Protein backbone atom coordinates (compact mmCIF):
# COMPACT_ATOMS: atom_id res chain seq x y z
CA MET A 1 0.00 0.00 0.00
CA LYS A 2 1.13 3.50 -0.88
CA GLY A 3 -1.47 5.63 0.83
CA VAL A 4 -2.26 9.05 2.15
CA GLU A 5 -4.57 10.19 4.95
CA LEU A 6 -6.61 13.33 4.36
CA THR A 7 -8.19 15.22 7.25
CA PRO A 8 -11.64 16.76 6.70
CA GLU A 9 -10.71 19.84 8.70
CA THR A 10 -10.85 21.38 5.23
CA PRO A 11 -14.12 21.43 3.25
CA VAL A 12 -15.05 18.04 1.86
CA ARG A 13 -14.78 19.28 -1.74
CA GLU A 14 -11.12 20.10 -1.06
CA VAL A 15 -10.65 16.60 0.37
CA ALA A 16 -12.02 15.18 -2.88
CA GLU A 17 -9.67 17.38 -4.92
CA LEU A 18 -6.69 16.22 -2.85
CA ALA A 19 -7.79 12.60 -3.28
CA SER A 20 -7.79 13.12 -7.06
CA LEU A 21 -4.32 14.66 -6.86
CA ALA A 22 -3.09 11.72 -4.77
CA GLU A 23 -4.39 9.32 -7.42
CA ASP A 24 -2.63 11.28 -10.13
CA GLU A 25 0.61 11.18 -8.11
CA GLY A 26 0.51 7.39 -7.86
CA PHE A 27 -1.01 6.74 -4.45
CA ASP A 28 -3.25 3.66 -4.38
CA THR A 29 -5.26 4.27 -1.18
CA VAL A 30 -6.81 7.37 0.39
CA PHE A 31 -8.05 7.44 3.97
CA ALA A 32 -10.14 10.19 5.57
CA SER A 33 -9.49 10.68 9.26
CA SER A 34 -12.47 10.25 11.55
CA HIS A 35 -12.93 12.69 14.44
CA TYR A 36 -16.20 14.28 15.51
CA ASN A 37 -14.66 17.78 15.52
CA ASN A 38 -13.89 17.57 11.79
CA ARG A 39 -16.27 17.18 8.88
CA ASP A 40 -17.88 13.80 8.29
CA PRO A 41 -15.33 11.43 6.73
CA PHE A 42 -17.86 9.31 4.86
CA GLN A 43 -19.32 12.34 3.11
CA ALA A 44 -15.80 13.41 2.18
CA LEU A 45 -15.07 9.91 0.88
CA ALA A 46 -18.30 9.88 -1.14
CA LEU A 47 -17.16 12.99 -3.00
CA ALA A 48 -13.68 11.50 -3.34
CA ALA A 49 -15.24 8.41 -4.94
CA LYS A 50 -16.77 10.59 -7.64
CA ALA A 51 -13.50 12.46 -8.17
CA THR A 52 -11.32 9.35 -8.57
CA ASP A 53 -11.23 6.17 -10.63
CA SER A 54 -8.87 3.67 -9.05
CA VAL A 55 -7.73 4.54 -5.53
CA ARG A 56 -9.20 2.61 -2.63
CA LEU A 57 -11.08 4.74 -0.11
CA GLY A 58 -11.86 4.35 3.57
CA PRO A 59 -12.08 5.93 7.01
CA GLY A 60 -8.74 6.13 8.76
CA VAL A 61 -9.92 5.11 11.22
CA ALA A 62 -13.54 4.99 12.35
CA ASN A 63 -14.24 4.04 15.95
CA PRO A 64 -17.19 1.91 17.09
CA TYR A 65 -18.02 4.06 20.11
CA GLU A 66 -19.35 7.30 18.62
CA THR A 67 -21.29 5.35 15.98
CA HIS A 68 -22.96 1.96 16.48
CA PRO A 69 -20.91 -0.77 14.78
CA VAL A 70 -23.85 -1.91 12.64
CA THR A 71 -24.28 1.64 11.35
CA LEU A 72 -20.55 1.81 10.62
CA ALA A 73 -20.81 -1.41 8.63
CA SER A 74 -23.61 0.08 6.54
CA LYS A 75 -21.66 3.30 5.96
CA ALA A 76 -18.68 1.30 4.71
CA ALA A 77 -20.91 -0.81 2.44
CA THR A 78 -22.54 2.32 1.02
CA LEU A 79 -19.09 3.75 0.26
CA ASP A 80 -18.17 0.48 -1.45
CA GLU A 81 -21.24 0.78 -3.66
CA LEU A 82 -20.52 4.42 -4.51
CA SER A 83 -16.91 3.64 -5.40
CA ASP A 84 -17.64 0.49 -7.42
CA GLY A 85 -15.95 -1.83 -4.95
CA ARG A 86 -13.03 0.35 -3.86
CA ALA A 87 -13.85 0.70 -0.15
CA VAL A 88 -11.61 -0.36 2.71
CA PHE A 89 -12.77 -0.36 6.32
CA GLY A 90 -10.31 1.28 8.67
CA VAL A 91 -11.46 0.67 12.24
CA GLY A 92 -9.87 1.26 15.61
CA ALA A 93 -10.55 2.15 19.21
CA GLY A 94 -10.41 5.93 18.68
CA ASP A 95 -8.63 8.68 20.55
CA ALA A 96 -9.26 8.32 24.28
CA SER A 97 -8.99 12.03 25.14
CA THR A 98 -11.31 13.08 22.30
CA LEU A 99 -13.89 10.45 23.23
CA ARG A 100 -13.83 11.58 26.86
CA ASN A 101 -15.02 14.99 25.63
CA LEU A 102 -18.19 13.16 24.56
CA GLY A 103 -18.55 11.36 27.87
CA VAL A 104 -17.42 8.10 26.25
CA GLU A 105 -14.99 5.76 27.94
CA ARG A 106 -13.19 3.23 25.74
CA ASP A 107 -14.44 0.16 27.57
CA ARG A 108 -12.74 -3.09 26.42
CA PRO A 109 -11.31 -1.56 23.22
CA LEU A 110 -9.83 -4.75 21.78
CA ARG A 111 -13.07 -6.68 22.11
CA ARG A 112 -15.08 -3.74 20.81
CA VAL A 113 -12.97 -3.43 17.66
CA LEU A 114 -12.85 -7.19 17.04
CA GLU A 115 -16.58 -7.67 17.54
CA SER A 116 -17.32 -4.64 15.37
CA PHE A 117 -15.56 -5.85 12.26
CA LYS A 118 -16.61 -9.47 12.73
CA VAL A 119 -20.25 -8.35 12.83
CA ALA A 120 -19.62 -6.08 9.84
CA GLN A 121 -18.26 -9.03 7.86
CA GLN A 122 -21.38 -11.04 8.67
CA LEU A 123 -23.60 -8.17 7.52
CA TRP A 124 -21.63 -7.74 4.28
CA ARG A 125 -22.15 -11.46 3.59
CA GLY A 126 -25.90 -10.86 3.75
CA GLU A 127 -26.41 -12.52 7.14
CA ARG A 128 -28.79 -11.35 9.84
CA VAL A 129 -27.01 -10.83 13.13
CA ASP A 130 -27.82 -11.27 16.78
CA HIS A 131 -24.98 -10.02 18.94
CA ASP A 132 -24.66 -9.43 22.68
CA GLY A 133 -21.14 -8.44 23.68
CA THR A 134 -19.54 -5.03 24.01
CA PHE A 135 -22.54 -3.82 22.01
CA VAL A 136 -25.98 -5.24 21.22
CA ALA A 137 -27.61 -5.97 17.86
CA ARG A 138 -30.94 -7.77 17.49
CA ASP A 139 -31.83 -9.34 14.15
CA ALA A 140 -29.72 -6.71 12.39
CA GLY A 141 -29.20 -6.85 8.65
CA LEU A 142 -28.64 -4.77 5.54
CA ASN A 143 -31.50 -4.36 3.09
CA TYR A 144 -29.11 -4.30 0.14
CA GLU A 145 -26.24 -6.40 -1.17
CA ALA A 146 -22.71 -5.58 -0.09
CA GLY A 147 -19.36 -6.78 -1.34
CA ARG A 148 -16.32 -8.04 0.49
CA ILE A 149 -14.56 -5.07 2.08
CA PRO A 150 -10.98 -5.39 3.39
CA VAL A 151 -10.62 -4.59 7.09
CA TYR A 152 -7.59 -2.68 8.36
CA VAL A 153 -7.29 -2.31 12.13
CA GLY A 154 -5.70 0.81 13.54
CA ALA A 155 -3.31 -0.56 16.14
CA GLN A 156 -0.55 0.54 18.45
CA GLY A 157 -0.59 -1.59 21.61
CA PRO A 158 0.66 -5.19 21.73
CA HIS A 159 -2.72 -6.88 22.10
CA MET A 160 -4.40 -4.89 19.30
CA LEU A 161 -1.45 -5.60 16.98
CA ARG A 162 -1.60 -9.33 17.66
CA MET A 163 -5.37 -9.38 17.22
CA ALA A 164 -5.17 -7.50 13.92
CA ALA A 165 -2.60 -9.93 12.54
CA LYS A 166 -4.69 -12.91 13.57
CA HIS A 167 -8.10 -11.71 12.41
CA ALA A 168 -8.02 -8.74 9.99
CA ASP A 169 -6.85 -8.16 6.43
CA GLY A 170 -4.29 -5.66 7.58
CA ALA A 171 -3.04 -3.41 10.35
CA LEU A 172 -2.54 0.34 10.22
CA VAL A 173 0.34 0.56 12.68
CA ASN A 174 0.04 3.90 14.42
CA ALA A 175 3.69 4.91 14.76
CA SER A 176 6.30 7.06 13.08
CA HIS A 177 9.67 5.89 14.38
CA PRO A 178 11.63 2.84 13.15
CA ASP A 179 12.17 1.63 16.73
CA ASP A 180 8.41 1.46 17.23
CA PHE A 181 7.95 -0.46 14.00
CA ALA A 182 10.66 -2.94 14.94
CA TRP A 183 8.80 -3.60 18.20
CA ALA A 184 5.41 -3.73 16.42
CA ARG A 185 6.72 -6.18 13.80
CA ASP A 186 7.44 -8.72 16.55
CA ARG A 187 3.91 -8.35 17.92
CA LEU A 188 2.40 -8.73 14.44
CA ASP A 189 4.45 -11.86 13.81
CA GLU A 190 3.12 -13.34 17.06
CA GLY A 191 -0.41 -12.84 15.77
CA LEU A 192 0.43 -14.21 12.35
CA ASN A 193 1.66 -17.41 13.98
CA GLU A 194 -1.95 -18.00 15.09
CA ARG A 195 -3.61 -16.85 11.86
CA PRO A 196 -5.66 -19.53 10.07
CA ALA A 197 -4.59 -20.02 6.47
CA GLU A 198 -8.14 -19.52 5.20
CA ARG A 199 -8.02 -15.85 6.25
CA GLY A 200 -5.58 -15.18 3.41
CA ALA A 201 -2.82 -12.65 3.11
CA PHE A 202 -2.15 -9.99 5.70
CA GLU A 203 -0.75 -6.51 5.07
CA ALA A 204 1.19 -4.59 7.71
CA VAL A 205 1.04 -0.87 6.94
CA ALA A 206 2.78 2.05 8.61
CA PHE A 207 0.15 4.67 9.45
CA ALA A 208 2.66 7.41 10.16
CA SER A 209 2.29 11.08 10.88
CA VAL A 210 4.26 12.77 8.10
CA SER A 211 5.07 16.41 7.43
CA VAL A 212 7.17 17.39 4.43
CA ALA A 213 8.08 20.72 2.86
CA ALA A 214 10.99 22.24 0.98
CA ASP A 215 11.68 24.09 4.25
CA GLY A 216 12.31 21.38 6.84
CA GLU A 217 11.66 23.68 9.80
CA ALA A 218 8.30 24.69 8.37
CA ALA A 219 7.47 20.99 8.06
CA ARG A 220 8.34 20.41 11.72
CA ALA A 221 6.24 23.37 12.83
CA ALA A 222 3.23 21.98 10.93
CA ALA A 223 3.67 18.66 12.75
CA ARG A 224 3.00 20.06 16.22
CA PRO A 225 -0.82 19.64 16.23
CA PRO A 226 -0.95 15.92 15.33
CA VAL A 227 2.09 15.16 17.49
CA ALA A 228 0.28 16.74 20.45
CA PHE A 229 -2.59 14.28 20.10
CA ILE A 230 -0.23 11.35 19.58
CA ALA A 231 1.95 12.21 22.58
CA ALA A 232 -1.09 12.74 24.80
CA GLY A 233 -2.38 9.25 24.00
CA ALA A 234 0.93 7.40 24.00
CA ALA A 235 1.41 4.60 26.52
CA PRO A 236 4.12 5.11 29.17
CA PRO A 237 6.40 2.40 27.69
CA VAL A 238 6.28 4.21 24.33
CA LEU A 239 7.15 7.52 25.97
CA ASP A 240 10.01 5.86 27.82
CA ARG A 241 11.30 4.19 24.65
CA HIS A 242 11.92 7.62 23.14
CA GLY A 243 12.94 9.50 26.27
CA VAL A 244 9.79 11.63 26.28
CA ASP A 245 9.03 13.27 29.62
CA ARG A 246 5.86 11.67 30.99
CA GLU A 247 4.74 14.75 32.90
CA ARG A 248 5.12 16.94 29.84
CA ALA A 249 3.09 14.49 27.74
CA GLN A 250 0.44 14.51 30.47
CA ARG A 251 0.30 18.32 30.34
CA VAL A 252 -0.24 18.13 26.58
CA GLY A 253 -3.20 15.81 27.17
CA GLU A 254 -4.67 18.05 29.85
CA HIS A 255 -4.56 21.04 27.51
CA ILE A 256 -6.29 19.03 24.77
CA GLU A 257 -9.06 17.84 27.09
CA ALA A 258 -9.60 21.45 28.21
CA GLY A 259 -9.82 22.62 24.60
CA GLU A 260 -6.61 24.64 25.02
CA PHE A 261 -5.14 23.57 21.70
CA ASP A 262 -2.59 26.36 21.23
CA GLU A 263 -1.16 25.61 24.68
CA ALA A 264 -1.07 21.89 23.84
CA PHE A 265 0.83 22.50 20.62
CA ASP A 266 3.29 24.83 22.34
CA THR A 267 4.00 22.15 24.96
CA VAL A 268 5.16 19.66 22.30
CA SER A 269 8.91 19.12 22.63
CA GLU A 270 11.52 18.48 19.94
CA THR A 271 11.87 14.96 21.37
CA MET A 272 8.15 14.38 20.80
CA LEU A 273 8.46 15.61 17.20
CA ASP A 274 11.32 13.20 16.53
CA ALA A 275 9.47 10.28 18.12
CA PHE A 276 5.97 10.78 16.78
CA CYS A 277 6.31 12.26 13.28
CA VAL A 278 8.37 11.88 10.12
CA ALA A 279 9.03 15.56 9.55
CA GLY A 280 11.46 17.57 7.48
CA ALA A 281 12.66 18.25 3.97
CA PRO A 282 11.97 15.65 1.25
CA ASP A 283 15.35 13.93 1.52
CA GLU A 284 14.99 13.63 5.30
CA VAL A 285 11.47 12.23 5.01
CA GLY A 286 12.48 9.81 2.27
CA ALA A 287 15.38 8.46 4.32
CA ARG A 288 13.18 7.90 7.36
CA LEU A 289 10.48 6.18 5.29
CA ASP A 290 13.14 3.84 3.88
CA GLU A 291 14.02 2.83 7.46
CA ILE A 292 10.37 2.22 8.28
CA ARG A 293 9.78 0.08 5.16
CA GLU A 294 12.13 -2.56 6.56
CA TYR A 295 9.34 -3.60 8.95
CA VAL A 296 6.11 -3.13 6.94
CA ASP A 297 4.49 -3.94 3.61
CA GLY A 298 3.30 -0.41 2.89
CA VAL A 299 3.10 3.16 4.14
CA VAL A 300 0.25 5.59 4.64
CA ALA A 301 1.38 9.19 5.07
CA GLY A 302 -0.90 10.69 7.68
CA SER A 303 -1.70 14.10 9.02
CA PRO A 304 -0.52 16.80 8.76
CA LEU A 305 1.27 15.97 5.45
CA GLY A 306 2.86 19.42 5.56
CA PRO A 307 2.18 23.17 5.75
CA ASP A 308 0.87 23.04 2.16
CA ARG A 309 -1.10 19.83 1.56
CA THR A 310 -1.07 20.10 -2.23
CA ALA A 311 2.68 20.56 -2.37
CA ALA A 312 3.15 17.88 0.29
CA ILE A 313 1.30 15.23 -1.71
CA GLU A 314 3.53 15.91 -4.71
CA LEU A 315 6.69 15.83 -2.56
CA LEU A 316 5.55 12.69 -0.75
CA ALA A 317 4.96 10.81 -3.98
CA ASN A 318 8.67 11.05 -4.66
CA ALA A 319 9.79 10.62 -1.04
C-alpha cells in the first residue's frame, strides 16, 4: 500500500480534490481521518469516490463508540457501492482524550474493535445478526447487497497488533519511528503465527504522521498539532522508549481535554516531534520512510502531510 490520509478539517470538496491529486501522483489508497470535531469522513469519501477512478477509499480510522458498529458497517458498504468496490474499512478504538469529551470511555477496546468488524463481515455477507457483547444488535441486517470489504485495524498496543494480525486483512500501525515499527513487527508476527490459512494474506502498513516541505523547519512546525494528540495518547512504555518526559506528555493531554489547543501544541517538545512524526525536507522524510519500510508492507502518510497539503502530496509521492 502507498497511501495518504486526508483530514476533513478542510471542506469536503477540497478533500475530494486532494484525493484526485493523490491518485494522479501514484497513491493507491486514500483514507479520511475520523474525528467528531472535523467534517464527516464518509461524506468526504463519497465525494472522493466521484473524483477518482482507481484509488481505494476508507475511514482512517472509524471508531465503534461514537457510531454503532452496525451503522458503521452500513456506511462502509454504502461507500463500497458508490466507489464500485473500492472501499476499505479502517477501524480502531479511537482517541481516548477526544472520546472523553463526549462522555465516552473506551471500555474493552480490543473486544469492541474485534466484535465490530466481525459483525460487519457477517452483515456484508448478507447474514442477519444477533450479537450481545460489548454492544448489542438484534436481528440486524442490511437491506441491500454488499461486497467483500478489506478490514484494516488501527493498532498501536501489543494486544491490538496481535489481534489484527490474527483476524483482519491488515493493520494500520500507528507509529512514526523505526524503533516502534521494529517492536510492532514482533507483535504482528506473534499474531500471524496464530492466523488460520483460510483468512488469506495480511498486510502490515505504517500509518505514520508525516510532514514534508521544501523548508524542513516549516514541516516540523506543521507537525506540532498531530504530534500533540499522539503524545497525549501514548502509553508510558512508548514515551520511555523515546525518552519523552511523561509529565510533559500529560500536560499536553490536559490542555487538549480542556480545549486549550494552542497551549497543547506549544508544549510539544523536539523529542516528541522526533518520536511521533516523520518531519522535514523531502530527503529527510524519504530516508526515514526507507528505514520504516524494513518492517512493513506499505506506508500511509498521515496528518498533517505538511504546511501546504497540495505541495506535500507531490513531494511525498517522490519521497
